[in-house]
Amino acid sequence: MTRRPTVLLAPITVTPAKPLTPSHLKGLLWTDVMFRATAQLADVTYRYSHTTYHPTEQTLGFWEFLDRTGGDTDYTALTEEEIGELYVRYRVEARRPPAEDLRPYEEAVESGGWVHPASARILRLWAGHYARLGLHDPGLERHQPPGLGLDEMIGRLVSAGTGLDQRDCGGPVYLDATRFGLPLRQIVSPDGRPNYLACALRELLPLVPRYDEVVLLYDRELDPDYQLLQRVLAGPGRTVHRVPVGRVPLDGKIASARHGGWHAYTVQALLRAMGDDHEPAVRRLGLRLYFIATLGPGQAQSFRHDLLRQCLLRAERLLDRSAAGERSDGPPDVPAALARHRRDHTYVDPYRLTSSLLGKKRPAPDRALLSTVFL
């Protein structure tokens, strides 16, 4: 029996401190279609651990800000938008919390998987969105610690010649891929704070040797860091692919959620705008047609409600045609249909696959394919 290839799918996580926006939703839908399609052809692990990235200053600093300014606030009744507004306030605050103020939070995360009530509330709300959108939940609310401690990860980098540790003289830690022509990148500050790249290495360094292929999905703005990550993770018999996914401009502008301005564009707002006029299957397929096929991998097109509505109508027609054209000569060969949307890699390209549903004069898509990958 031929061994199925093994694939590690490792998308960048969204910090649980604000509402999901169109840019976040695009990345999540892209990852979901890739995972569900590739799982028909290979043994796929979808690694998406919030636990791994909680120790970053971005998250711990927000938690410290909440406790310092909000005291004993009950977050269980707050909306994503209300917590997101607090995050915007935190990001504009000039004060940078000292490392000693964040250390108790870091120890609570590392020792027992503690999550601040505000972020726990966000993750619970996101789990509800995932269910409505038909997204595979990779463990939003589970404690999923990385395989390496910070010191152990740094030791591995130094032993491999890809780490420069200056902590013994009060300096930072660098990821060093200069022999590949890439610049030094600080991953741990002089006072011991890891950035998201250090957290990613704690998780991925012990995982990647188990897989034939590793796929990194990330925000296009982070391409220099992911070039470094690709170099460090690649090894004999293992290929590491980078798949950048562009953000979705709002009114012609690309801005981080930390700046606000997302109230009319959150996932909750989009679901409200779509209303109950469409069946869940139509909403799920329509969203994928829009955020994957229509917007594509780049970031040139601003979000448009009218195009999303058109995709919902196209999804309805596709599902109707699919139901009317169900095969009578046995089950369809879903893996063969999916394999056409690969190039020199095992994973299925979500853009090629989703766009193939929209070609003119194409036959109705098999309902089994739609159910397996898009619904």
Protein backbone atom coordinates (compact mmCIF):
# COMPACT_ATOMS: atom_id res chain seq x y z
CA MET A 1 0.00 0.00 0.00
CA THR A 2 1.38 3.40 -0.98
CA ARG A 3 2.09 5.68 1.97
CA ARG A 4 0.10 8.89 1.94
CA PRO A 5 2.26 12.02 2.11
CA THR A 6 2.19 14.00 5.34
CA VAL A 7 1.51 17.74 5.40
CA LEU A 8 1.75 20.25 8.24
CA LEU A 9 -0.51 23.24 7.67
CA ALA A 10 0.60 26.13 9.89
CA PRO A 11 -1.25 29.43 9.36
CA ILE A 12 -0.45 32.53 11.38
CA THR A 13 -2.90 33.03 14.24
CA VAL A 14 -5.13 36.03 14.92
CA THR A 15 -4.54 37.70 18.28
CA PRO A 16 -7.69 37.19 20.41
CA ALA A 17 -8.08 40.85 21.29
CA LYS A 18 -10.42 42.28 18.65
CA PRO A 19 -13.19 41.30 16.23
CA LEU A 20 -12.52 39.22 13.15
CA THR A 21 -12.38 41.50 10.10
CA PRO A 22 -12.51 40.77 6.33
CA SER A 23 -8.72 40.34 6.25
CA HIS A 24 -8.89 37.77 9.03
CA LEU A 25 -11.84 36.03 7.42
CA LYS A 26 -10.04 35.78 4.09
CA GLY A 27 -7.09 34.02 5.69
CA LEU A 28 -9.32 31.68 7.69
CA LEU A 29 -11.42 30.67 4.66
CA TRP A 30 -8.29 30.22 2.53
CA THR A 31 -6.78 27.93 5.17
CA ASP A 32 -10.01 26.00 5.67
CA VAL A 33 -10.41 25.16 1.98
CA MET A 34 -6.74 24.18 1.71
CA PHE A 35 -7.03 21.91 4.76
CA ARG A 36 -10.25 20.19 3.77
CA ALA A 37 -9.17 19.68 0.15
CA THR A 38 -5.64 18.49 0.92
CA ALA A 39 -6.94 16.08 3.57
CA GLN A 40 -8.47 14.06 0.72
CA LEU A 41 -4.99 13.48 -0.72
CA ALA A 42 -2.65 13.40 2.27
CA ASP A 43 -2.47 13.09 6.05
CA VAL A 44 -2.78 16.71 7.13
CA THR A 45 -2.17 18.30 10.53
CA TYR A 46 -3.76 21.73 10.93
CA ARG A 47 -1.73 23.41 13.67
CA TYR A 48 -3.30 26.58 15.00
CA SER A 49 -2.42 27.20 18.63
CA HIS A 50 -3.27 30.42 20.42
CA THR A 51 -1.41 29.06 23.46
CA THR A 52 1.84 29.29 21.51
CA TYR A 53 1.49 33.00 20.79
CA HIS A 54 0.07 34.26 24.08
CA PRO A 55 3.60 35.02 25.46
CA THR A 56 4.14 37.84 22.94
CA GLU A 57 4.11 41.38 24.27
CA GLN A 58 1.19 42.16 21.97
CA THR A 59 -1.03 39.79 23.97
CA LEU A 60 0.47 39.98 27.46
CA GLY A 61 0.67 43.77 27.26
CA PHE A 62 -3.04 43.94 26.45
CA TRP A 63 -3.89 41.72 29.40
CA GLU A 64 -1.78 43.85 31.74
CA PHE A 65 -3.48 46.99 30.37
CA LEU A 66 -6.93 45.52 31.01
CA ASP A 67 -6.13 44.59 34.61
CA ARG A 68 -4.43 47.93 35.29
CA THR A 69 -7.21 50.07 33.82
CA GLY A 70 -10.32 47.90 34.13
CA GLY A 71 -9.88 46.13 37.43
CA ASP A 72 -12.48 43.42 37.99
CA THR A 73 -14.45 43.97 34.78
CA ASP A 74 -16.81 41.12 33.89
CA TYR A 75 -15.87 40.29 30.28
CA THR A 76 -18.35 37.44 29.85
CA ALA A 77 -21.09 39.79 28.64
CA LEU A 78 -18.93 42.03 26.42
CA THR A 79 -19.07 41.87 22.64
CA GLU A 80 -16.07 41.47 20.34
CA GLU A 81 -16.46 45.13 19.40
CA GLU A 82 -16.37 46.28 23.03
CA ILE A 83 -13.24 44.27 23.76
CA GLY A 84 -11.75 45.45 20.46
CA GLU A 85 -12.29 49.08 21.49
CA LEU A 86 -10.27 48.38 24.63
CA TYR A 87 -7.53 46.91 22.44
CA VAL A 88 -7.46 50.06 20.30
CA ARG A 89 -7.06 52.11 23.50
CA TYR A 90 -4.19 49.87 24.56
CA ARG A 91 -2.39 50.22 21.24
CA VAL A 92 -2.46 54.02 21.34
CA GLU A 93 -1.20 54.14 24.93
CA ALA A 94 2.32 55.53 25.05
CA ARG A 95 3.29 53.45 28.08
CA ARG A 96 5.21 50.26 27.30
CA PRO A 97 4.82 47.83 30.20
CA PRO A 98 8.15 46.74 31.70
CA ALA A 99 9.10 43.09 31.46
CA GLU A 100 8.61 42.50 35.18
CA ASP A 101 4.95 43.56 34.89
CA LEU A 102 4.35 40.95 32.17
CA ARG A 103 6.26 38.11 33.79
CA PRO A 104 3.39 36.88 36.04
CA TYR A 105 1.15 36.64 32.98
CA GLU A 106 3.80 34.77 31.02
CA GLU A 107 4.33 32.32 33.90
CA ALA A 108 0.59 31.70 34.17
CA VAL A 109 0.41 30.91 30.45
CA GLU A 110 3.48 28.69 30.44
CA SER A 111 2.70 26.77 33.63
CA GLY A 112 -1.01 26.15 33.28
CA GLY A 113 -2.32 27.52 30.01
CA TRP A 114 -4.08 30.46 31.67
CA VAL A 115 -5.99 32.81 29.36
CA HIS A 116 -7.21 36.26 30.38
CA PRO A 117 -11.03 36.40 30.62
CA ALA A 118 -11.22 38.99 27.82
CA SER A 119 -9.37 36.76 25.36
CA ALA A 120 -11.27 33.69 26.59
CA ARG A 121 -14.48 35.57 25.76
CA ILE A 122 -13.18 36.45 22.28
CA LEU A 123 -12.19 32.84 21.57
CA ARG A 124 -15.61 31.61 22.69
CA LEU A 125 -17.31 34.05 20.33
CA TRP A 126 -14.99 33.04 17.49
CA ALA A 127 -15.86 29.37 18.02
CA GLY A 128 -19.49 30.35 17.38
CA HIS A 129 -18.49 32.15 14.17
CA TYR A 130 -16.51 29.11 13.02
CA ALA A 131 -19.59 26.93 13.50
CA ARG A 132 -21.83 29.29 11.51
CA LEU A 133 -19.27 29.67 8.72
CA GLY A 134 -18.57 25.95 8.42
CA LEU A 135 -14.91 26.38 9.40
CA HIS A 136 -12.95 23.51 10.89
CA ASP A 137 -12.12 24.43 14.52
CA PRO A 138 -8.45 23.51 15.10
CA GLY A 139 -8.78 24.02 18.85
CA LEU A 140 -9.53 27.67 19.49
CA GLU A 141 -10.28 27.10 23.18
CA ARG A 142 -7.86 24.23 23.80
CA HIS A 143 -4.56 24.47 25.66
CA GLN A 144 -1.98 23.56 22.98
CA PRO A 145 1.51 24.38 24.27
CA PRO A 146 4.50 24.43 21.92
CA GLY A 147 6.93 21.55 21.99
CA LEU A 148 9.95 23.60 23.07
CA GLY A 149 10.61 26.05 25.87
CA LEU A 150 12.18 29.36 24.93
CA ASP A 151 15.67 28.44 26.14
CA GLU A 152 15.52 25.05 24.44
CA MET A 153 14.46 26.64 21.16
CA ILE A 154 17.31 29.15 21.32
CA GLY A 155 19.74 26.33 22.08
CA ARG A 156 18.63 24.44 18.98
CA LEU A 157 19.07 27.51 16.80
CA VAL A 158 22.56 28.17 18.15
CA SER A 159 23.59 24.51 17.70
CA ALA A 160 22.37 24.61 14.10
CA GLY A 161 24.26 27.82 13.39
CA THR A 162 21.05 29.81 12.86
CA GLY A 163 20.91 31.57 16.22
CA LEU A 164 22.95 34.37 17.75
CA ASP A 165 22.43 34.54 21.52
CA GLN A 166 23.78 37.68 23.19
CA ARG A 167 21.88 37.36 26.47
CA ASP A 168 25.03 36.64 28.47
CA CYS A 169 26.15 40.21 27.79
CA GLY A 170 22.71 41.81 28.19
CA GLY A 171 21.81 41.69 24.50
CA PRO A 172 19.01 40.16 22.44
CA VAL A 173 18.66 36.89 20.56
CA TYR A 174 18.77 36.93 16.76
CA LEU A 175 17.63 34.51 14.12
CA ASP A 176 20.71 34.25 11.92
CA ALA A 177 20.26 33.21 8.29
CA THR A 178 22.98 35.50 6.98
CA ARG A 179 24.72 32.61 5.25
CA PHE A 180 21.64 32.45 3.00
CA GLY A 181 21.90 36.17 2.26
CA LEU A 182 19.11 37.11 4.66
CA PRO A 183 19.43 39.77 7.38
CA LEU A 184 19.65 39.17 11.12
CA ARG A 185 16.25 39.31 12.82
CA GLN A 186 15.83 39.95 16.54
CA ILE A 187 13.45 37.39 18.04
CA VAL A 188 13.99 37.98 21.79
CA SER A 189 14.51 41.45 23.27
CA PRO A 190 17.34 42.22 25.72
CA ASP A 191 14.86 42.01 28.61
CA GLY A 192 13.74 38.53 27.54
CA ARG A 193 10.52 39.17 25.63
CA PRO A 194 9.90 36.88 22.63
CA ASN A 195 8.22 38.12 19.46
CA TYR A 196 5.81 36.06 17.36
CA LEU A 197 8.68 34.62 15.29
CA ALA A 198 10.32 33.20 18.42
CA CYS A 199 6.96 31.68 19.41
CA ALA A 200 6.53 30.17 15.95
CA LEU A 201 9.97 28.55 16.19
CA ARG A 202 9.14 27.06 19.61
CA GLU A 203 6.17 25.37 17.98
CA LEU A 204 7.46 24.46 14.53
CA LEU A 205 11.07 23.34 15.12
CA PRO A 206 10.02 20.10 16.87
CA LEU A 207 7.05 19.51 14.55
CA VAL A 208 8.41 19.88 11.04
CA PRO A 209 10.73 16.81 11.01
CA ARG A 210 7.61 14.59 11.11
CA TYR A 211 6.25 15.86 7.79
CA ASP A 212 7.08 15.61 4.11
CA GLU A 213 5.70 19.06 3.40
CA VAL A 214 5.12 22.15 5.51
CA VAL A 215 2.82 24.97 4.39
CA LEU A 216 3.09 28.38 6.05
CA LEU A 217 0.13 30.71 5.43
CA TYR A 218 0.61 34.29 6.52
CA ASP A 219 -0.13 37.96 6.01
CA ARG A 220 1.73 39.27 2.96
CA GLU A 221 3.14 42.12 5.08
CA LEU A 222 5.23 39.55 6.99
CA ASP A 223 7.00 38.11 3.96
CA PRO A 224 10.58 38.95 5.08
CA ASP A 225 10.07 37.07 8.37
CA TYR A 226 8.53 34.09 6.63
CA GLN A 227 11.43 33.89 4.18
CA LEU A 228 13.64 33.48 7.26
CA LEU A 229 11.30 30.91 8.77
CA GLN A 230 11.24 28.92 5.55
CA ARG A 231 15.03 28.79 5.42
CA VAL A 232 15.39 27.68 9.04
CA LEU A 233 12.69 24.99 8.86
CA ALA A 234 13.64 23.40 5.54
CA GLY A 235 15.62 20.17 5.73
CA PRO A 236 16.51 16.93 3.89
CA GLY A 237 13.41 15.22 2.52
CA ARG A 238 11.18 18.08 3.65
CA THR A 239 9.84 20.99 1.63
CA VAL A 240 8.58 24.20 3.23
CA HIS A 241 6.18 26.33 1.19
CA ARG A 242 5.25 29.95 1.84
CA VAL A 243 1.71 30.98 0.92
CA PRO A 244 1.15 34.72 1.48
CA VAL A 245 -2.46 35.89 1.54
CA GLY A 246 -3.12 39.59 0.95
CA ARG A 247 -5.27 41.67 3.27
CA VAL A 248 -8.65 43.11 2.29
CA PRO A 249 -8.63 46.93 1.98
CA LEU A 250 -11.56 48.81 3.50
CA ASP A 251 -12.54 51.83 1.43
CA GLY A 252 -9.24 51.61 -0.43
CA LYS A 253 -7.04 51.48 2.66
CA ILE A 254 -5.18 48.61 4.29
CA ALA A 255 -4.96 49.13 8.02
CA SER A 256 -4.31 46.91 11.01
CA ALA A 257 -7.28 46.09 13.25
CA ARG A 258 -5.36 47.74 16.08
CA HIS A 259 -6.35 51.12 14.61
CA GLY A 260 -10.09 50.48 14.74
CA GLY A 261 -12.44 51.53 11.96
CA TRP A 262 -13.78 47.99 11.60
CA HIS A 263 -17.24 48.32 13.20
CA ALA A 264 -19.17 48.01 9.94
CA TYR A 265 -16.98 45.18 8.66
CA THR A 266 -16.67 42.63 11.46
CA VAL A 267 -17.70 39.04 10.81
CA GLN A 268 -20.70 39.58 13.06
CA ALA A 269 -21.69 42.65 11.01
CA LEU A 270 -21.28 40.72 7.75
CA LEU A 271 -23.45 37.88 9.03
CA ARG A 272 -26.11 40.39 10.08
CA ALA A 273 -25.95 42.09 6.67
CA MET A 274 -26.45 38.75 4.90
CA GLY A 275 -29.50 38.13 7.07
CA ASP A 276 -31.50 34.92 6.98
CA ASP A 277 -32.44 35.10 3.29
CA HIS A 278 -30.00 32.34 2.37
CA GLU A 279 -29.57 28.78 3.55
CA PRO A 280 -26.39 28.05 5.58
CA ALA A 281 -24.89 26.17 2.61
CA VAL A 282 -25.38 29.22 0.38
CA ARG A 283 -23.74 31.53 2.91
CA ARG A 284 -20.76 29.20 3.34
CA LEU A 285 -20.16 28.69 -0.36
CA GLY A 286 -20.85 32.33 -1.21
CA LEU A 287 -18.32 33.59 1.32
CA ARG A 288 -15.67 31.27 -0.10
CA LEU A 289 -16.43 32.32 -3.66
CA TYR A 290 -16.00 35.94 -2.66
CA PHE A 291 -13.00 35.87 -0.30
CA ILE A 292 -11.01 33.27 -2.25
CA ALA A 293 -11.98 33.36 -5.93
CA THR A 294 -13.14 36.97 -6.32
CA LEU A 295 -10.58 38.73 -4.12
CA GLY A 296 -7.76 36.34 -5.04
CA PRO A 297 -4.40 36.06 -3.28
CA GLY A 298 -3.53 39.75 -3.64
CA GLN A 299 -4.83 42.84 -1.90
CA ALA A 300 -5.82 45.21 -4.69
CA GLN A 301 -9.61 45.05 -4.29
CA SER A 302 -11.48 46.74 -1.46
CA PHE A 303 -14.27 44.91 0.29
CA ARG A 304 -17.58 45.34 -1.53
CA HIS A 305 -20.98 44.30 -0.19
CA ASP A 306 -22.45 44.22 -3.70
CA LEU A 307 -19.89 41.68 -4.93
CA LEU A 308 -20.44 39.55 -1.84
CA ARG A 309 -24.18 39.54 -2.58
CA GLN A 310 -23.45 38.51 -6.18
CA CYS A 311 -21.34 35.61 -4.90
CA LEU A 312 -24.20 34.51 -2.65
CA LEU A 313 -26.49 34.40 -5.69
CA ARG A 314 -23.88 32.47 -7.68
CA ALA A 315 -23.52 30.03 -4.79
CA GLU A 316 -27.28 29.49 -4.78
CA ARG A 317 -27.26 28.74 -8.52
CA LEU A 318 -24.27 26.41 -8.20
CA LEU A 319 -25.93 24.45 -5.42
CA ASP A 320 -29.17 24.20 -7.38
CA ARG A 321 -27.31 22.98 -10.48
CA SER A 322 -25.31 20.57 -8.37
CA ALA A 323 -28.45 19.07 -6.86
CA ALA A 324 -30.10 18.78 -10.26
CA GLY A 325 -27.06 17.15 -11.84
CA GLU A 326 -26.27 14.56 -9.19
CA ARG A 327 -24.58 11.53 -10.72
CA SER A 328 -26.37 8.27 -11.16
CA ASP A 329 -23.30 6.26 -12.24
CA GLY A 330 -21.75 5.95 -8.80
CA PRO A 331 -19.89 8.25 -6.42
CA PRO A 332 -17.63 10.94 -7.93
CA ASP A 333 -13.86 10.66 -7.67
CA VAL A 334 -13.33 13.64 -5.37
CA PRO A 335 -9.57 13.08 -4.84
CA ALA A 336 -8.97 13.03 -8.60
CA ALA A 337 -10.95 16.24 -9.03
CA LEU A 338 -8.90 17.91 -6.29
CA ALA A 339 -5.52 16.65 -7.51
CA ARG A 340 -5.86 18.77 -10.65
CA HIS A 341 -5.42 21.88 -8.51
CA ARG A 342 -1.89 21.11 -7.35
CA ARG A 343 1.36 22.06 -9.00
CA ASP A 344 4.69 20.78 -7.68
CA HIS A 345 3.32 20.39 -4.17
CA THR A 346 0.96 18.13 -2.26
CA TYR A 347 -1.39 20.81 -0.95
CA VAL A 348 -4.38 21.91 -3.02
CA ASP A 349 -4.34 25.54 -4.14
CA PRO A 350 -7.53 27.15 -2.77
CA TYR A 351 -7.60 29.88 -5.41
CA ARG A 352 -7.31 27.49 -8.37
CA LEU A 353 -9.87 25.13 -6.89
CA THR A 354 -12.45 27.75 -5.94
CA SER A 355 -12.03 29.70 -9.17
CA SER A 356 -12.69 26.51 -11.14
CA LEU A 357 -16.28 26.57 -9.88
CA LEU A 358 -16.90 29.85 -11.69
CA GLY A 359 -15.76 29.04 -15.21
CA LYS A 360 -18.25 29.70 -18.00
CA LYS A 361 -20.06 26.70 -19.46
CA ARG A 362 -18.55 24.41 -16.86
CA PRO A 363 -20.60 21.38 -15.79
CA ALA A 364 -22.35 21.52 -12.43
CA PRO A 365 -19.90 20.80 -9.60
CA ASP A 366 -20.32 17.49 -7.82
CA ARG A 367 -22.27 17.88 -4.61
CA ALA A 368 -19.80 15.54 -2.89
CA LEU A 369 -16.94 17.90 -3.76
CA LEU A 370 -18.87 20.93 -2.50
CA SER A 371 -19.84 19.16 0.73
CA THR A 372 -16.33 17.87 1.35
CA VAL A 373 -14.47 21.13 0.81
CA PHE A 374 -16.77 24.17 0.82
CA LEU A 375 -19.78 23.47 3.01
